[in-house]
Amino acid sequence: MKRRFIRVITCVLALVMVTGSFSFAAGTDTTTKPAKVPYIKAHCGYDSVTVKFTKLKEKVAGYELERQYYGEKWKVIKTFKATDAASYKDNRNDKDRKRVGYYRVRAYKYVDGKKVYGDYSWTSRAKAVRQMYIKIKVNGKWKTANGFAGGKYYTTSGNSYSVARVRDASTDYLKSANYTDTTAENFVNELTKAKVVKRNGKKRMVWISTYTQHLYVFKWNGSRWKIEKDWECSTGKAGSPTPMSKKKKLNHKHRWRHNLPYWNCFSSCNAMHGKYSSWEMGKPRSGGCVRNPNSKAQFIYENVAKGSPVVVW
């Protein structure tokens, strides 16, 4: 009996040395299941979402990337070979630009001719780049405006209302979470590629994010826009919002105006300028202009040329 037990142990040890593993359980060996993908991140742009993930160190056959919109089922949108780059550009139409997308990925390999999947990565949320919404009260009813120009609020339903008709207004903005650098760069580069923004040979451009109360200065590196500087700003309050447009330009400058320094004008009556020390950044509080720390307004004044693109969104 003792000799038989020793022979069994010897056989097991020999099997481990040859195969590198051994399982007493029947069925597929748990070591054949791919590991969980450790990292995934989705970055929004103007008309696409760029998804990147980290490949596993172990040998696998490939990866499957899935996407889900709210109220819909998960859908495989891309299958990668093990040798493919671990990134994907998910192009979005006009409807999808306004939707929040969720992304996840998992690895797979083949065992005895069958596809075996690993666990899903965590879910990465890609929130569309958006402008500050304004709640306006007209004839006793609240409506959502997503634009303001020429003294009129423009609602998401396609209607417009003059300032005189609005009895109350409030802003919907986000200060707690800013866009990532990748999202910001994707946004302006895709606007440029779509010819919504025209560079016209300028070396710098400005994006004023009304939703996050943040201002970005981008510098052209020969092929695309890269963030040079960014900071918190303060755009127009609900009763006097900063006019939104993707096609504005820096048209004239003033070293000093209305007791404030460094006026960088992008319309007849709106500018990026300095501030009084008591003014708070990160909240829509101005009369329509864009308030900045004085040193930041000076940077625009000295470095961003007239005619440079300005996006207010």
C-alpha atoms as a PDB file:
ATOM      1  CA  MET A   1       0.000   0.000   0.000  1.00  0.00           C
ATOM      2  CA  LYS A   2       2.789   2.360   0.958  1.00  0.00           C
ATOM      3  CA  ARG A   3       4.706   1.558  -2.241  1.00  0.00           C
ATOM      4  CA  ARG A   4       1.571   2.173  -4.374  1.00  0.00           C
ATOM      5  CA  PHE A   5       1.069   5.592  -2.710  1.00  0.00           C
ATOM      6  CA  ILE A   6       4.710   6.506  -3.417  1.00  0.00           C
ATOM      7  CA  ARG A   7       4.285   5.499  -7.088  1.00  0.00           C
ATOM      8  CA  VAL A   8       1.148   7.711  -7.413  1.00  0.00           C
ATOM      9  CA  ILE A   9       2.953  10.716  -5.898  1.00  0.00           C
ATOM     10  CA  THR A  10       5.910  10.115  -8.208  1.00  0.00           C
ATOM     11  CA  CYS A  11       3.621  10.046 -11.261  1.00  0.00           C
ATOM     12  CA  VAL A  12       1.915  13.298 -10.186  1.00  0.00           C
ATOM     13  CA  LEU A  13       5.248  15.035  -9.699  1.00  0.00           C
ATOM     14  CA  ALA A  14       6.419  13.844 -13.101  1.00  0.00           C
ATOM     15  CA  LEU A  15       3.215  15.172 -14.693  1.00  0.00           C
ATOM     16  CA  VAL A  16       3.701  18.565 -13.055  1.00  0.00           C
ATOM     17  CA  MET A  17       7.300  18.731 -14.285  1.00  0.00           C
ATOM     18  CA  VAL A  18       6.219  17.951 -17.857  1.00  0.00           C
ATOM     19  CA  THR A  19       3.032  20.060 -18.166  1.00  0.00           C
ATOM     20  CA  GLY A  20       3.683  22.781 -15.593  1.00  0.00           C
ATOM     21  CA  SER A  21       0.243  22.302 -14.029  1.00  0.00           C
ATOM     22  CA  PHE A  22      -2.106  19.725 -12.654  1.00  0.00           C
ATOM     23  CA  SER A  23      -5.725  19.779 -11.570  1.00  0.00           C
ATOM     24  CA  PHE A  24      -7.703  17.102  -9.757  1.00  0.00           C
ATOM     25  CA  ALA A  25     -10.946  18.738 -10.997  1.00  0.00           C
ATOM     26  CA  ALA A  26     -12.580  17.512 -14.152  1.00  0.00           C
ATOM     27  CA  GLY A  27     -13.152  19.805 -17.156  1.00  0.00           C
ATOM     28  CA  THR A  28     -11.191  22.823 -18.405  1.00  0.00           C
ATOM     29  CA  ASP A  29      -8.164  23.760 -16.339  1.00  0.00           C
ATOM     30  CA  THR A  30      -8.730  27.144 -14.657  1.00  0.00           C
ATOM     31  CA  THR A  31      -5.257  28.265 -15.755  1.00  0.00           C
ATOM     32  CA  THR A  32      -6.455  28.331 -19.388  1.00  0.00           C
ATOM     33  CA  LYS A  33      -8.868  31.209 -18.738  1.00  0.00           C
ATOM     34  CA  PRO A  34      -7.356  34.568 -19.753  1.00  0.00           C
ATOM     35  CA  ALA A  35      -6.778  37.127 -17.029  1.00  0.00           C
ATOM     36  CA  LYS A  36      -8.862  40.267 -16.645  1.00  0.00           C
ATOM     37  CA  VAL A  37      -7.786  43.202 -18.836  1.00  0.00           C
ATOM     38  CA  PRO A  38      -6.232  45.586 -16.285  1.00  0.00           C
ATOM     39  CA  TYR A  39      -6.977  48.985 -17.868  1.00  0.00           C
ATOM     40  CA  ILE A  40      -9.388  50.683 -20.276  1.00  0.00           C
ATOM     41  CA  LYS A  41     -10.112  54.366 -20.857  1.00  0.00           C
ATOM     42  CA  ALA A  42     -12.509  56.095 -23.254  1.00  0.00           C
ATOM     43  CA  HIS A  43     -11.972  59.713 -24.333  1.00  0.00           C
ATOM     44  CA  CYS A  44     -14.652  61.722 -26.166  1.00  0.00           C
ATOM     45  CA  GLY A  45     -13.999  64.105 -29.023  1.00  0.00           C
ATOM     46  CA  TYR A  46     -16.337  66.044 -31.309  1.00  0.00           C
ATOM     47  CA  ASP A  47     -17.564  63.151 -33.459  1.00  0.00           C
ATOM     48  CA  SER A  48     -15.809  60.099 -32.022  1.00  0.00           C
ATOM     49  CA  VAL A  49     -14.659  58.299 -28.883  1.00  0.00           C
ATOM     50  CA  THR A  50     -11.088  57.026 -28.633  1.00  0.00           C
ATOM     51  CA  VAL A  51     -10.809  53.855 -26.530  1.00  0.00           C
ATOM     52  CA  LYS A  52      -7.480  52.533 -25.290  1.00  0.00           C
ATOM     53  CA  PHE A  53      -6.745  49.475 -23.165  1.00  0.00           C
ATOM     54  CA  THR A  54      -3.743  47.577 -21.823  1.00  0.00           C
ATOM     55  CA  LYS A  55      -2.961  44.168 -23.288  1.00  0.00           C
ATOM     56  CA  LEU A  56      -2.260  41.155 -21.119  1.00  0.00           C
ATOM     57  CA  LYS A  57       1.272  39.852 -20.721  1.00  0.00           C
ATOM     58  CA  GLU A  58       0.080  36.283 -21.220  1.00  0.00           C
ATOM     59  CA  LYS A  59      -0.494  34.828 -24.668  1.00  0.00           C
ATOM     60  CA  VAL A  60      -4.097  35.204 -25.895  1.00  0.00           C
ATOM     61  CA  ALA A  61      -5.837  34.957 -29.266  1.00  0.00           C
ATOM     62  CA  GLY A  62      -7.441  38.396 -29.139  1.00  0.00           C
ATOM     63  CA  TYR A  63      -9.796  40.855 -27.466  1.00  0.00           C
ATOM     64  CA  GLU A  64     -13.412  41.950 -27.834  1.00  0.00           C
ATOM     65  CA  LEU A  65     -14.474  45.561 -27.214  1.00  0.00           C
ATOM     66  CA  GLU A  66     -18.098  46.221 -26.275  1.00  0.00           C
ATOM     67  CA  ARG A  67     -20.181  49.392 -26.073  1.00  0.00           C
ATOM     68  CA  GLN A  68     -23.472  50.196 -24.390  1.00  0.00           C
ATOM     69  CA  TYR A  69     -25.737  53.235 -24.501  1.00  0.00           C
ATOM     70  CA  TYR A  70     -28.249  53.870 -21.739  1.00  0.00           C
ATOM     71  CA  GLY A  71     -31.290  51.593 -22.099  1.00  0.00           C
ATOM     72  CA  GLU A  72     -29.597  49.376 -24.679  1.00  0.00           C
ATOM     73  CA  LYS A  73     -27.787  46.036 -24.537  1.00  0.00           C
ATOM     74  CA  TRP A  74     -24.010  45.588 -24.709  1.00  0.00           C
ATOM     75  CA  LYS A  75     -22.760  45.215 -28.275  1.00  0.00           C
ATOM     76  CA  VAL A  76     -19.409  43.989 -29.620  1.00  0.00           C
ATOM     77  CA  ILE A  77     -18.096  46.833 -31.803  1.00  0.00           C
ATOM     78  CA  LYS A  78     -14.542  45.639 -32.450  1.00  0.00           C
ATOM     79  CA  THR A  79     -12.611  42.357 -32.332  1.00  0.00           C
ATOM     80  CA  PHE A  80      -8.839  42.673 -32.022  1.00  0.00           C
ATOM     81  CA  LYS A  81      -6.153  40.184 -32.921  1.00  0.00           C
ATOM     82  CA  ALA A  82      -3.413  39.754 -30.353  1.00  0.00           C
ATOM     83  CA  THR A  83      -1.055  41.699 -32.642  1.00  0.00           C
ATOM     84  CA  ASP A  84      -3.417  44.655 -33.238  1.00  0.00           C
ATOM     85  CA  ALA A  85      -2.925  48.021 -31.561  1.00  0.00           C
ATOM     86  CA  ALA A  86      -4.863  48.300 -28.295  1.00  0.00           C
ATOM     87  CA  SER A  87      -6.897  51.326 -29.353  1.00  0.00           C
ATOM     88  CA  TYR A  88     -10.061  52.022 -31.331  1.00  0.00           C
ATOM     89  CA  LYS A  89     -11.796  55.108 -32.697  1.00  0.00           C
ATOM     90  CA  ASP A  90     -15.559  54.793 -32.338  1.00  0.00           C
ATOM     91  CA  ASN A  91     -17.119  57.242 -34.805  1.00  0.00           C
ATOM     92  CA  ARG A  92     -20.435  58.761 -33.702  1.00  0.00           C
ATOM     93  CA  ASN A  93     -23.293  60.284 -35.665  1.00  0.00           C
ATOM     94  CA  ASP A  94     -25.257  63.407 -34.692  1.00  0.00           C
ATOM     95  CA  LYS A  95     -27.528  61.413 -32.373  1.00  0.00           C
ATOM     96  CA  ASP A  96     -24.734  59.536 -30.610  1.00  0.00           C
ATOM     97  CA  ARG A  97     -22.671  62.700 -30.005  1.00  0.00           C
ATOM     98  CA  LYS A  98     -25.128  63.672 -27.279  1.00  0.00           C
ATOM     99  CA  ARG A  99     -25.231  60.241 -25.613  1.00  0.00           C
ATOM    100  CA  VAL A 100     -23.146  58.801 -22.812  1.00  0.00           C
ATOM    101  CA  GLY A 101     -21.328  55.662 -23.943  1.00  0.00           C
ATOM    102  CA  TYR A 102     -19.952  52.848 -21.782  1.00  0.00           C
ATOM    103  CA  TYR A 103     -17.072  50.626 -22.889  1.00  0.00           C
ATOM    104  CA  ARG A 104     -15.533  47.367 -21.652  1.00  0.00           C
ATOM    105  CA  VAL A 105     -13.132  44.779 -23.054  1.00  0.00           C
ATOM    106  CA  ARG A 106     -12.194  41.141 -22.403  1.00  0.00           C
ATOM    107  CA  ALA A 107      -9.550  38.769 -23.724  1.00  0.00           C
ATOM    108  CA  TYR A 108     -10.123  35.349 -25.247  1.00  0.00           C
ATOM    109  CA  LYS A 109      -8.107  32.305 -26.270  1.00  0.00           C
ATOM    110  CA  TYR A 110      -8.858  28.915 -27.795  1.00  0.00           C
ATOM    111  CA  VAL A 111      -8.719  25.749 -25.706  1.00  0.00           C
ATOM    112  CA  ASP A 112      -9.428  22.423 -27.423  1.00  0.00           C
ATOM    113  CA  GLY A 113     -11.031  24.352 -30.298  1.00  0.00           C
ATOM    114  CA  LYS A 114     -13.353  26.341 -28.041  1.00  0.00           C
ATOM    115  CA  LYS A 115     -13.220  30.090 -27.367  1.00  0.00           C
ATOM    116  CA  VAL A 116     -12.594  30.780 -23.679  1.00  0.00           C
ATOM    117  CA  TYR A 117     -13.151  34.323 -22.360  1.00  0.00           C
ATOM    118  CA  GLY A 118     -11.526  36.126 -19.470  1.00  0.00           C
ATOM    119  CA  ASP A 119     -13.373  38.496 -17.149  1.00  0.00           C
ATOM    120  CA  TYR A 120     -14.430  41.921 -18.391  1.00  0.00           C
ATOM    121  CA  SER A 121     -12.330  44.961 -17.609  1.00  0.00           C
ATOM    122  CA  TRP A 122     -13.933  47.701 -15.582  1.00  0.00           C
ATOM    123  CA  THR A 123     -16.413  49.887 -17.485  1.00  0.00           C
ATOM    124  CA  SER A 124     -15.131  53.203 -18.831  1.00  0.00           C
ATOM    125  CA  ARG A 125     -17.665  55.985 -19.276  1.00  0.00           C
ATOM    126  CA  ALA A 126     -17.333  58.398 -22.200  1.00  0.00           C
ATOM    127  CA  LYS A 127     -19.427  61.484 -21.615  1.00  0.00           C
ATOM    128  CA  ALA A 128     -19.970  63.652 -24.656  1.00  0.00           C
ATOM    129  CA  VAL A 129     -18.367  67.101 -24.724  1.00  0.00           C
ATOM    130  CA  ARG A 130     -21.225  69.503 -24.115  1.00  0.00           C
ATOM    131  CA  GLN A 131     -21.967  73.132 -23.473  1.00  0.00           C
ATOM    132  CA  MET A 132     -23.534  74.718 -20.405  1.00  0.00           C
ATOM    133  CA  TYR A 133     -27.299  74.361 -20.424  1.00  0.00           C
ATOM    134  CA  ILE A 134     -29.505  77.190 -19.178  1.00  0.00           C
ATOM    135  CA  LYS A 135     -32.898  76.674 -17.601  1.00  0.00           C
ATOM    136  CA  ILE A 136     -35.235  79.519 -18.570  1.00  0.00           C
ATOM    137  CA  LYS A 137     -38.759  80.250 -17.389  1.00  0.00           C
ATOM    138  CA  VAL A 138     -41.159  81.410 -20.117  1.00  0.00           C
ATOM    139  CA  ASN A 139     -44.912  81.812 -19.594  1.00  0.00           C
ATOM    140  CA  GLY A 140     -44.654  79.978 -16.277  1.00  0.00           C
ATOM    141  CA  LYS A 141     -42.892  76.931 -17.778  1.00  0.00           C
ATOM    142  CA  TRP A 142     -39.241  75.899 -17.539  1.00  0.00           C
ATOM    143  CA  LYS A 143     -37.373  75.179 -20.770  1.00  0.00           C
ATOM    144  CA  THR A 144     -33.803  74.095 -21.538  1.00  0.00           C
ATOM    145  CA  ALA A 145     -31.653  76.425 -23.626  1.00  0.00           C
ATOM    146  CA  ASN A 146     -28.362  75.275 -25.117  1.00  0.00           C
ATOM    147  CA  GLY A 147     -27.424  78.487 -26.884  1.00  0.00           C
ATOM    148  CA  PHE A 148     -27.546  82.254 -26.613  1.00  0.00           C
ATOM    149  CA  ALA A 149     -26.865  84.860 -29.305  1.00  0.00           C
ATOM    150  CA  GLY A 150     -28.284  88.184 -30.428  1.00  0.00           C
ATOM    151  CA  GLY A 151     -30.205  88.674 -27.196  1.00  0.00           C
ATOM    152  CA  LYS A 152     -32.101  85.391 -27.633  1.00  0.00           C
ATOM    153  CA  TYR A 153     -32.035  82.021 -25.870  1.00  0.00           C
ATOM    154  CA  TYR A 154     -32.187  78.995 -28.192  1.00  0.00           C
ATOM    155  CA  THR A 155     -33.812  75.890 -26.726  1.00  0.00           C
ATOM    156  CA  THR A 156     -33.110  72.218 -27.369  1.00  0.00           C
ATOM    157  CA  SER A 157     -36.565  71.964 -28.999  1.00  0.00           C
ATOM    158  CA  GLY A 158     -35.562  74.470 -31.690  1.00  0.00           C
ATOM    159  CA  ASN A 159     -37.421  77.536 -30.389  1.00  0.00           C
ATOM    160  CA  SER A 160     -35.967  80.926 -29.445  1.00  0.00           C
ATOM    161  CA  TYR A 161     -36.995  83.427 -26.785  1.00  0.00           C
ATOM    162  CA  SER A 162     -35.831  87.008 -26.326  1.00  0.00           C
ATOM    163  CA  VAL A 163     -34.324  88.084 -23.000  1.00  0.00           C
ATOM    164  CA  ALA A 164     -37.404  90.250 -22.359  1.00  0.00           C
ATOM    165  CA  ARG A 165     -39.673  87.168 -22.315  1.00  0.00           C
ATOM    166  CA  VAL A 166     -37.573  85.212 -19.814  1.00  0.00           C
ATOM    167  CA  ARG A 167     -38.694  85.684 -16.210  1.00  0.00           C
ATOM    168  CA  ASP A 168     -36.073  83.527 -14.506  1.00  0.00           C
ATOM    169  CA  ALA A 169     -32.987  81.581 -15.482  1.00  0.00           C
ATOM    170  CA  SER A 170     -30.430  79.227 -13.929  1.00  0.00           C
ATOM    171  CA  THR A 171     -27.294  77.510 -15.212  1.00  0.00           C
ATOM    172  CA  ASP A 172     -26.367  73.836 -15.473  1.00  0.00           C
ATOM    173  CA  TYR A 173     -22.596  73.483 -15.345  1.00  0.00           C
ATOM    174  CA  LEU A 174     -19.981  71.151 -13.885  1.00  0.00           C
ATOM    175  CA  LYS A 175     -16.985  72.287 -11.854  1.00  0.00           C
ATOM    176  CA  SER A 176     -16.084  69.098  -9.984  1.00  0.00           C
ATOM    177  CA  ALA A 177     -14.757  67.118 -12.971  1.00  0.00           C
ATOM    178  CA  ASN A 178     -12.873  68.631 -15.883  1.00  0.00           C
ATOM    179  CA  TYR A 179     -12.272  66.992 -19.272  1.00  0.00           C
ATOM    180  CA  THR A 180      -9.071  65.005 -19.701  1.00  0.00           C
ATOM    181  CA  ASP A 181      -6.313  66.459 -21.893  1.00  0.00           C
ATOM    182  CA  THR A 182      -6.965  63.714 -24.452  1.00  0.00           C
ATOM    183  CA  THR A 183     -10.678  64.560 -24.618  1.00  0.00           C
ATOM    184  CA  ALA A 184      -9.962  68.285 -24.990  1.00  0.00           C
ATOM    185  CA  GLU A 185      -7.408  67.701 -27.757  1.00  0.00           C
ATOM    186  CA  ASN A 186      -9.644  65.205 -29.567  1.00  0.00           C
ATOM    187  CA  PHE A 187     -12.505  67.715 -29.480  1.00  0.00           C
ATOM    188  CA  VAL A 188     -10.677  70.639 -31.119  1.00  0.00           C
ATOM    189  CA  ASN A 189      -8.719  68.462 -33.573  1.00  0.00           C
ATOM    190  CA  GLU A 190     -11.887  66.793 -34.812  1.00  0.00           C
ATOM    191  CA  LEU A 191     -13.559  70.206 -35.138  1.00  0.00           C
ATOM    192  CA  THR A 192     -10.589  71.295 -37.241  1.00  0.00           C
ATOM    193  CA  LYS A 193     -10.639  68.138 -39.352  1.00  0.00           C
ATOM    194  CA  ALA A 194     -14.371  68.620 -39.970  1.00  0.00           C
ATOM    195  CA  LYS A 195     -13.581  72.225 -41.037  1.00  0.00           C
ATOM    196  CA  VAL A 196     -15.853  73.597 -38.357  1.00  0.00           C
ATOM    197  CA  VAL A 197     -12.765  75.334 -36.972  1.00  0.00           C
ATOM    198  CA  LYS A 198     -10.496  76.944 -39.574  1.00  0.00           C
ATOM    199  CA  ARG A 199      -6.893  77.363 -38.479  1.00  0.00           C
ATOM    200  CA  ASN A 200      -5.984  79.891 -41.187  1.00  0.00           C
ATOM    201  CA  GLY A 201      -2.289  79.417 -40.476  1.00  0.00           C
ATOM    202  CA  LYS A 202      -2.542  80.483 -36.831  1.00  0.00           C
ATOM    203  CA  LYS A 203      -0.273  78.891 -34.245  1.00  0.00           C
ATOM    204  CA  ARG A 204      -2.743  78.962 -31.342  1.00  0.00           C
ATOM    205  CA  MET A 205      -6.452  78.626 -30.641  1.00  0.00           C
ATOM    206  CA  VAL A 206      -8.711  78.913 -27.584  1.00  0.00           C
ATOM    207  CA  TRP A 207     -11.538  76.722 -26.310  1.00  0.00           C
ATOM    208  CA  ILE A 208     -13.777  78.124 -23.566  1.00  0.00           C
ATOM    209  CA  SER A 209     -15.667  75.205 -22.014  1.00  0.00           C
ATOM    210  CA  THR A 210     -18.856  76.725 -20.598  1.00  0.00           C
ATOM    211  CA  TYR A 211     -19.892  73.415 -19.039  1.00  0.00           C
ATOM    212  CA  THR A 212     -16.698  72.932 -17.000  1.00  0.00           C
ATOM    213  CA  GLN A 213     -15.856  76.656 -16.659  1.00  0.00           C
ATOM    214  CA  HIS A 214     -12.410  75.992 -18.040  1.00  0.00           C
ATOM    215  CA  LEU A 215     -10.304  77.739 -20.686  1.00  0.00           C
ATOM    216  CA  TYR A 216      -7.753  75.952 -22.870  1.00  0.00           C
ATOM    217  CA  VAL A 217      -5.036  77.415 -25.065  1.00  0.00           C
ATOM    218  CA  PHE A 218      -3.829  75.008 -27.783  1.00  0.00           C
ATOM    219  CA  LYS A 219      -0.667  75.246 -29.866  1.00  0.00           C
ATOM    220  CA  TRP A 220      -0.301  73.774 -33.358  1.00  0.00           C
ATOM    221  CA  ASN A 221       2.592  71.285 -33.507  1.00  0.00           C
ATOM    222  CA  GLY A 222       2.609  70.914 -37.279  1.00  0.00           C
ATOM    223  CA  SER A 223      -0.073  68.227 -37.520  1.00  0.00           C
ATOM    224  CA  ARG A 224      -2.519  68.729 -34.630  1.00  0.00           C
ATOM    225  CA  TRP A 225      -3.482  70.932 -31.693  1.00  0.00           C
ATOM    226  CA  LYS A 226      -1.842  70.197 -28.327  1.00  0.00           C
ATOM    227  CA  ILE A 227      -2.747  71.801 -24.997  1.00  0.00           C
ATOM    228  CA  GLU A 228      -0.274  74.509 -24.053  1.00  0.00           C
ATOM    229  CA  LYS A 229      -2.034  75.944 -20.994  1.00  0.00           C
ATOM    230  CA  ASP A 230      -5.408  75.617 -19.266  1.00  0.00           C
ATOM    231  CA  TRP A 231      -7.113  77.130 -16.205  1.00  0.00           C
ATOM    232  CA  GLU A 232     -10.424  77.860 -14.505  1.00  0.00           C
ATOM    233  CA  CYS A 233     -12.397  80.798 -15.838  1.00  0.00           C
ATOM    234  CA  SER A 234     -15.824  82.343 -15.300  1.00  0.00           C
ATOM    235  CA  THR A 235     -18.295  82.746 -18.174  1.00  0.00           C
ATOM    236  CA  GLY A 236     -21.601  84.601 -18.347  1.00  0.00           C
ATOM    237  CA  LYS A 237     -24.312  83.932 -15.778  1.00  0.00           C
ATOM    238  CA  ALA A 238     -27.762  82.626 -16.733  1.00  0.00           C
ATOM    239  CA  GLY A 239     -29.239  86.099 -17.240  1.00  0.00           C
ATOM    240  CA  SER A 240     -26.357  87.201 -19.494  1.00  0.00           C
ATOM    241  CA  PRO A 241     -24.681  84.057 -20.877  1.00  0.00           C
ATOM    242  CA  THR A 242     -21.588  84.097 -23.035  1.00  0.00           C
ATOM    243  CA  PRO A 243     -22.676  83.605 -26.688  1.00  0.00           C
ATOM    244  CA  MET A 244     -21.822  80.064 -27.779  1.00  0.00           C
ATOM    245  CA  SER A 245     -20.225  79.284 -31.107  1.00  0.00           C
ATOM    246  CA  LYS A 246     -17.561  77.015 -32.608  1.00  0.00           C
ATOM    247  CA  LYS A 247     -16.580  79.603 -35.221  1.00  0.00           C
ATOM    248  CA  LYS A 248     -15.487  82.726 -33.372  1.00  0.00           C
ATOM    249  CA  LYS A 249     -12.133  84.482 -33.768  1.00  0.00           C
ATOM    250  CA  LEU A 250      -9.978  86.741 -31.656  1.00  0.00           C
ATOM    251  CA  ASN A 251     -10.606  90.033 -33.471  1.00  0.00           C
ATOM    252  CA  HIS A 252      -9.085  92.826 -31.378  1.00  0.00           C
ATOM    253  CA  LYS A 253      -7.232  93.520 -28.124  1.00  0.00           C
ATOM    254  CA  HIS A 254      -7.011  96.260 -25.492  1.00  0.00           C
ATOM    255  CA  ARG A 255      -4.329  96.527 -22.816  1.00  0.00           C
ATOM    256  CA  TRP A 256      -6.795  98.184 -20.425  1.00  0.00           C
ATOM    257  CA  ARG A 257     -10.546  98.677 -20.624  1.00  0.00           C
ATOM    258  CA  HIS A 258     -13.373  99.310 -18.144  1.00  0.00           C
ATOM    259  CA  ASN A 259     -10.849  99.239 -15.283  1.00  0.00           C
ATOM    260  CA  LEU A 260      -9.782  95.683 -16.188  1.00  0.00           C
ATOM    261  CA  PRO A 261      -6.550  94.482 -17.843  1.00  0.00           C
ATOM    262  CA  TYR A 262      -5.885  92.503 -21.021  1.00  0.00           C
ATOM    263  CA  TRP A 263      -9.030  92.490 -23.121  1.00  0.00           C
ATOM    264  CA  ASN A 264      -8.998  89.798 -25.826  1.00  0.00           C
ATOM    265  CA  CYS A 265     -12.224  90.344 -27.762  1.00  0.00           C
ATOM    266  CA  PHE A 266     -13.956  87.580 -29.744  1.00  0.00           C
ATOM    267  CA  SER A 267     -17.156  89.520 -30.511  1.00  0.00           C
ATOM    268  CA  SER A 268     -18.304  93.143 -30.497  1.00  0.00           C
ATOM    269  CA  CYS A 269     -19.089  93.071 -26.765  1.00  0.00           C
ATOM    270  CA  ASN A 270     -17.510  89.883 -25.360  1.00  0.00           C
ATOM    271  CA  ALA A 271     -13.899  89.303 -24.397  1.00  0.00           C
ATOM    272  CA  MET A 272     -11.511  87.162 -22.398  1.00  0.00           C
ATOM    273  CA  HIS A 273     -10.080  89.574 -19.830  1.00  0.00           C
ATOM    274  CA  GLY A 274      -8.607  89.870 -16.333  1.00  0.00           C
ATOM    275  CA  LYS A 275     -10.511  90.196 -13.079  1.00  0.00           C
ATOM    276  CA  TYR A 276     -10.824  91.932  -9.738  1.00  0.00           C
ATOM    277  CA  SER A 277      -9.255  90.053  -6.849  1.00  0.00           C
ATOM    278  CA  SER A 278     -12.661  89.327  -5.267  1.00  0.00           C
ATOM    279  CA  TRP A 279     -14.098  87.602  -8.325  1.00  0.00           C
ATOM    280  CA  GLU A 280     -14.429  83.815  -8.043  1.00  0.00           C
ATOM    281  CA  MET A 281     -13.342  81.470 -10.788  1.00  0.00           C
ATOM    282  CA  GLY A 282     -15.041  78.206 -11.796  1.00  0.00           C
ATOM    283  CA  LYS A 283     -18.624  79.542 -11.761  1.00  0.00           C
ATOM    284  CA  PRO A 284     -20.675  81.440 -14.384  1.00  0.00           C
ATOM    285  CA  ARG A 285     -20.807  84.925 -12.853  1.00  0.00           C
ATOM    286  CA  SER A 286     -19.990  87.489 -15.567  1.00  0.00           C
ATOM    287  CA  GLY A 287     -22.140  89.752 -17.700  1.00  0.00           C
ATOM    288  CA  GLY A 288     -21.208  87.790 -20.828  1.00  0.00           C
ATOM    289  CA  CYS A 289     -17.428  88.111 -20.991  1.00  0.00           C
ATOM    290  CA  VAL A 290     -14.984  85.434 -19.847  1.00  0.00           C
ATOM    291  CA  ARG A 291     -13.123  86.326 -16.650  1.00  0.00           C
ATOM    292  CA  ASN A 292      -9.604  84.972 -16.129  1.00  0.00           C
ATOM    293  CA  PRO A 293      -6.791  85.356 -13.608  1.00  0.00           C
ATOM    294  CA  ASN A 294      -4.850  88.435 -14.706  1.00  0.00           C
ATOM    295  CA  SER A 295      -1.678  86.497 -15.530  1.00  0.00           C
ATOM    296  CA  LYS A 296      -3.672  84.126 -17.744  1.00  0.00           C
ATOM    297  CA  ALA A 297      -5.446  86.951 -19.573  1.00  0.00           C
ATOM    298  CA  GLN A 298      -1.999  88.470 -20.121  1.00  0.00           C
ATOM    299  CA  PHE A 299      -0.779  85.187 -21.639  1.00  0.00           C
ATOM    300  CA  ILE A 300      -3.606  85.298 -24.201  1.00  0.00           C
ATOM    301  CA  TYR A 301      -2.920  88.982 -24.878  1.00  0.00           C
ATOM    302  CA  GLU A 302       0.772  88.388 -25.544  1.00  0.00           C
ATOM    303  CA  ASN A 303       0.683  84.988 -27.288  1.00  0.00           C
ATOM    304  CA  VAL A 304      -2.616  84.405 -29.114  1.00  0.00           C
ATOM    305  CA  ALA A 305      -2.645  86.359 -32.387  1.00  0.00           C
ATOM    306  CA  LYS A 306      -5.580  88.243 -33.853  1.00  0.00           C
ATOM    307  CA  GLY A 307      -7.618  86.010 -36.136  1.00  0.00           C
ATOM    308  CA  SER A 308      -6.941  82.896 -34.033  1.00  0.00           C
ATOM    309  CA  PRO A 309      -9.919  80.504 -33.648  1.00  0.00           C
ATOM    310  CA  VAL A 310     -12.004  80.780 -30.476  1.00  0.00           C
ATOM    311  CA  VAL A 311     -14.527  78.057 -29.586  1.00  0.00           C
ATOM    312  CA  VAL A 312     -17.132  78.853 -26.921  1.00  0.00           C
ATOM    313  CA  TRP A 313     -18.888  75.590 -26.071  1.00  0.00           C
END
